[in-house]
Amino acid sequence: MNTQRLTGLSKVIIMVLALGAAIAVASGSAVASGSAAAVKLTYITVSSGETLWGLAADYSKDVSQREWIAELVELNNLTSNDIQPGQRLALPN
């Protein structure tokens, strides 16, 4: 009788693990496909004398320059507002 109970318990454990794996795969693929499809970046190489405010004036379009700079800093993981000639930056859309 213990053998039958163990077999039933084993079936439940296997079903729970399979369900957990299926949920993990489904949620992981949904996030990955959504992220990859939404991002198209433009890159520039910083020239001598350029500043974040100057770049914002040239590229910010319909977004305020302050918001655009904040997005650029986050997108490029900048630790300061200083940019260097030759530095390659991804521009926010």
C-alpha atoms as a PDB file:
ATOM      1  CA  MET A   1       0.000   0.000   0.000  1.00  0.00           C
ATOM      2  CA  ASN A   2       2.904   2.389   0.663  1.00  0.00           C
ATOM      3  CA  THR A   3       4.180   1.686  -2.852  1.00  0.00           C
ATOM      4  CA  GLN A   4       0.915   2.872  -4.400  1.00  0.00           C
ATOM      5  CA  ARG A   5       0.883   5.994  -2.248  1.00  0.00           C
ATOM      6  CA  LEU A   6       4.454   6.801  -3.183  1.00  0.00           C
ATOM      7  CA  THR A   7       3.653   6.300  -6.852  1.00  0.00           C
ATOM      8  CA  GLY A   8       0.678   8.670  -6.603  1.00  0.00           C
ATOM      9  CA  LEU A   9       2.782  11.240  -4.754  1.00  0.00           C
ATOM     10  CA  SER A  10       5.522  10.888  -7.375  1.00  0.00           C
ATOM     11  CA  LYS A  11       3.003  11.581 -10.122  1.00  0.00           C
ATOM     12  CA  VAL A  12       1.827  14.740  -8.368  1.00  0.00           C
ATOM     13  CA  ILE A  13       5.399  15.965  -7.887  1.00  0.00           C
ATOM     14  CA  ILE A  14       6.243  15.325 -11.544  1.00  0.00           C
ATOM     15  CA  MET A  15       3.100  17.148 -12.705  1.00  0.00           C
ATOM     16  CA  VAL A  16       3.870  20.170 -10.479  1.00  0.00           C
ATOM     17  CA  LEU A  17       7.455  20.325 -11.760  1.00  0.00           C
ATOM     18  CA  ALA A  18       6.302  20.025 -15.378  1.00  0.00           C
ATOM     19  CA  LEU A  19       3.732  22.776 -14.887  1.00  0.00           C
ATOM     20  CA  GLY A  20       6.347  25.043 -13.285  1.00  0.00           C
ATOM     21  CA  ALA A  21       8.759  24.418 -16.161  1.00  0.00           C
ATOM     22  CA  ALA A  22       6.055  25.147 -18.738  1.00  0.00           C
ATOM     23  CA  ILE A  23       5.163  28.437 -17.034  1.00  0.00           C
ATOM     24  CA  ALA A  24       8.834  29.450 -16.834  1.00  0.00           C
ATOM     25  CA  VAL A  25       9.401  28.733 -20.529  1.00  0.00           C
ATOM     26  CA  ALA A  26       6.240  30.539 -21.605  1.00  0.00           C
ATOM     27  CA  SER A  27       6.934  33.660 -19.562  1.00  0.00           C
ATOM     28  CA  GLY A  28      10.624  33.745 -20.527  1.00  0.00           C
ATOM     29  CA  SER A  29       9.970  33.567 -24.246  1.00  0.00           C
ATOM     30  CA  ALA A  30       7.277  36.234 -24.062  1.00  0.00           C
ATOM     31  CA  VAL A  31       9.639  38.686 -22.393  1.00  0.00           C
ATOM     32  CA  ALA A  32      12.514  37.933 -24.740  1.00  0.00           C
ATOM     33  CA  SER A  33      10.510  38.316 -27.936  1.00  0.00           C
ATOM     34  CA  GLY A  34       8.882  41.553 -26.755  1.00  0.00           C
ATOM     35  CA  SER A  35      12.194  43.135 -25.777  1.00  0.00           C
ATOM     36  CA  ALA A  36      14.060  42.272 -28.959  1.00  0.00           C
ATOM     37  CA  ALA A  37      11.334  43.504 -31.275  1.00  0.00           C
ATOM     38  CA  ALA A  38      10.935  46.923 -29.640  1.00  0.00           C
ATOM     39  CA  VAL A  39      14.544  48.153 -29.673  1.00  0.00           C
ATOM     40  CA  LYS A  40      16.245  49.800 -32.666  1.00  0.00           C
ATOM     41  CA  LEU A  41      19.089  52.063 -31.669  1.00  0.00           C
ATOM     42  CA  THR A  42      21.042  54.750 -33.468  1.00  0.00           C
ATOM     43  CA  TYR A  43      24.681  55.215 -32.464  1.00  0.00           C
ATOM     44  CA  ILE A  44      26.969  58.232 -32.715  1.00  0.00           C
ATOM     45  CA  THR A  45      30.625  58.786 -31.958  1.00  0.00           C
ATOM     46  CA  VAL A  46      31.259  61.838 -29.788  1.00  0.00           C
ATOM     47  CA  SER A  47      33.342  64.573 -31.444  1.00  0.00           C
ATOM     48  CA  SER A  48      35.639  66.980 -29.644  1.00  0.00           C
ATOM     49  CA  GLY A  49      33.698  69.747 -27.896  1.00  0.00           C
ATOM     50  CA  GLU A  50      30.327  67.963 -27.925  1.00  0.00           C
ATOM     51  CA  THR A  51      28.211  67.988 -24.785  1.00  0.00           C
ATOM     52  CA  LEU A  52      25.076  66.175 -23.684  1.00  0.00           C
ATOM     53  CA  TRP A  53      23.105  69.402 -24.061  1.00  0.00           C
ATOM     54  CA  GLY A  54      24.442  69.892 -27.576  1.00  0.00           C
ATOM     55  CA  LEU A  55      23.509  66.339 -28.517  1.00  0.00           C
ATOM     56  CA  ALA A  56      20.054  66.867 -27.019  1.00  0.00           C
ATOM     57  CA  ALA A  57      19.605  70.032 -29.086  1.00  0.00           C
ATOM     58  CA  ASP A  58      20.444  68.056 -32.235  1.00  0.00           C
ATOM     59  CA  TYR A  59      18.623  64.773 -31.551  1.00  0.00           C
ATOM     60  CA  SER A  60      15.861  65.162 -28.935  1.00  0.00           C
ATOM     61  CA  LYS A  61      12.998  65.727 -31.432  1.00  0.00           C
ATOM     62  CA  ASP A  62       9.644  65.863 -29.569  1.00  0.00           C
ATOM     63  CA  VAL A  63      11.061  65.094 -26.097  1.00  0.00           C
ATOM     64  CA  SER A  64      12.337  67.755 -23.721  1.00  0.00           C
ATOM     65  CA  GLN A  65      16.118  67.998 -23.754  1.00  0.00           C
ATOM     66  CA  ARG A  66      16.291  67.227 -20.021  1.00  0.00           C
ATOM     67  CA  GLU A  67      14.244  64.002 -20.444  1.00  0.00           C
ATOM     68  CA  TRP A  68      16.259  62.997 -23.524  1.00  0.00           C
ATOM     69  CA  ILE A  69      19.562  63.419 -21.628  1.00  0.00           C
ATOM     70  CA  ALA A  70      18.218  61.335 -18.718  1.00  0.00           C
ATOM     71  CA  GLU A  71      17.281  58.568 -21.178  1.00  0.00           C
ATOM     72  CA  LEU A  72      20.704  58.749 -22.872  1.00  0.00           C
ATOM     73  CA  VAL A  73      22.519  58.540 -19.511  1.00  0.00           C
ATOM     74  CA  GLU A  74      20.447  55.495 -18.488  1.00  0.00           C
ATOM     75  CA  LEU A  75      20.678  53.800 -21.883  1.00  0.00           C
ATOM     76  CA  ASN A  76      24.474  54.069 -21.948  1.00  0.00           C
ATOM     77  CA  ASN A  77      24.997  53.421 -18.216  1.00  0.00           C
ATOM     78  CA  LEU A  78      26.893  56.681 -17.850  1.00  0.00           C
ATOM     79  CA  THR A  79      28.160  57.422 -14.347  1.00  0.00           C
ATOM     80  CA  SER A  80      28.601  61.145 -14.996  1.00  0.00           C
ATOM     81  CA  ASN A  81      27.537  63.818 -17.466  1.00  0.00           C
ATOM     82  CA  ASP A  82      31.009  63.964 -18.980  1.00  0.00           C
ATOM     83  CA  ILE A  83      31.405  62.511 -22.467  1.00  0.00           C
ATOM     84  CA  GLN A  84      34.712  62.036 -24.256  1.00  0.00           C
ATOM     85  CA  PRO A  85      35.712  62.395 -27.919  1.00  0.00           C
ATOM     86  CA  GLY A  86      35.642  58.994 -29.570  1.00  0.00           C
ATOM     87  CA  GLN A  87      33.071  57.640 -27.126  1.00  0.00           C
ATOM     88  CA  ARG A  88      30.276  55.691 -28.842  1.00  0.00           C
ATOM     89  CA  LEU A  89      26.777  56.410 -27.542  1.00  0.00           C
ATOM     90  CA  ALA A  90      23.404  54.837 -28.243  1.00  0.00           C
ATOM     91  CA  LEU A  91      20.760  57.518 -28.774  1.00  0.00           C
ATOM     92  CA  PRO A  92      17.264  57.255 -27.319  1.00  0.00           C
ATOM     93  CA  ASN A  93      14.477  57.028 -29.888  1.00  0.00           C
END
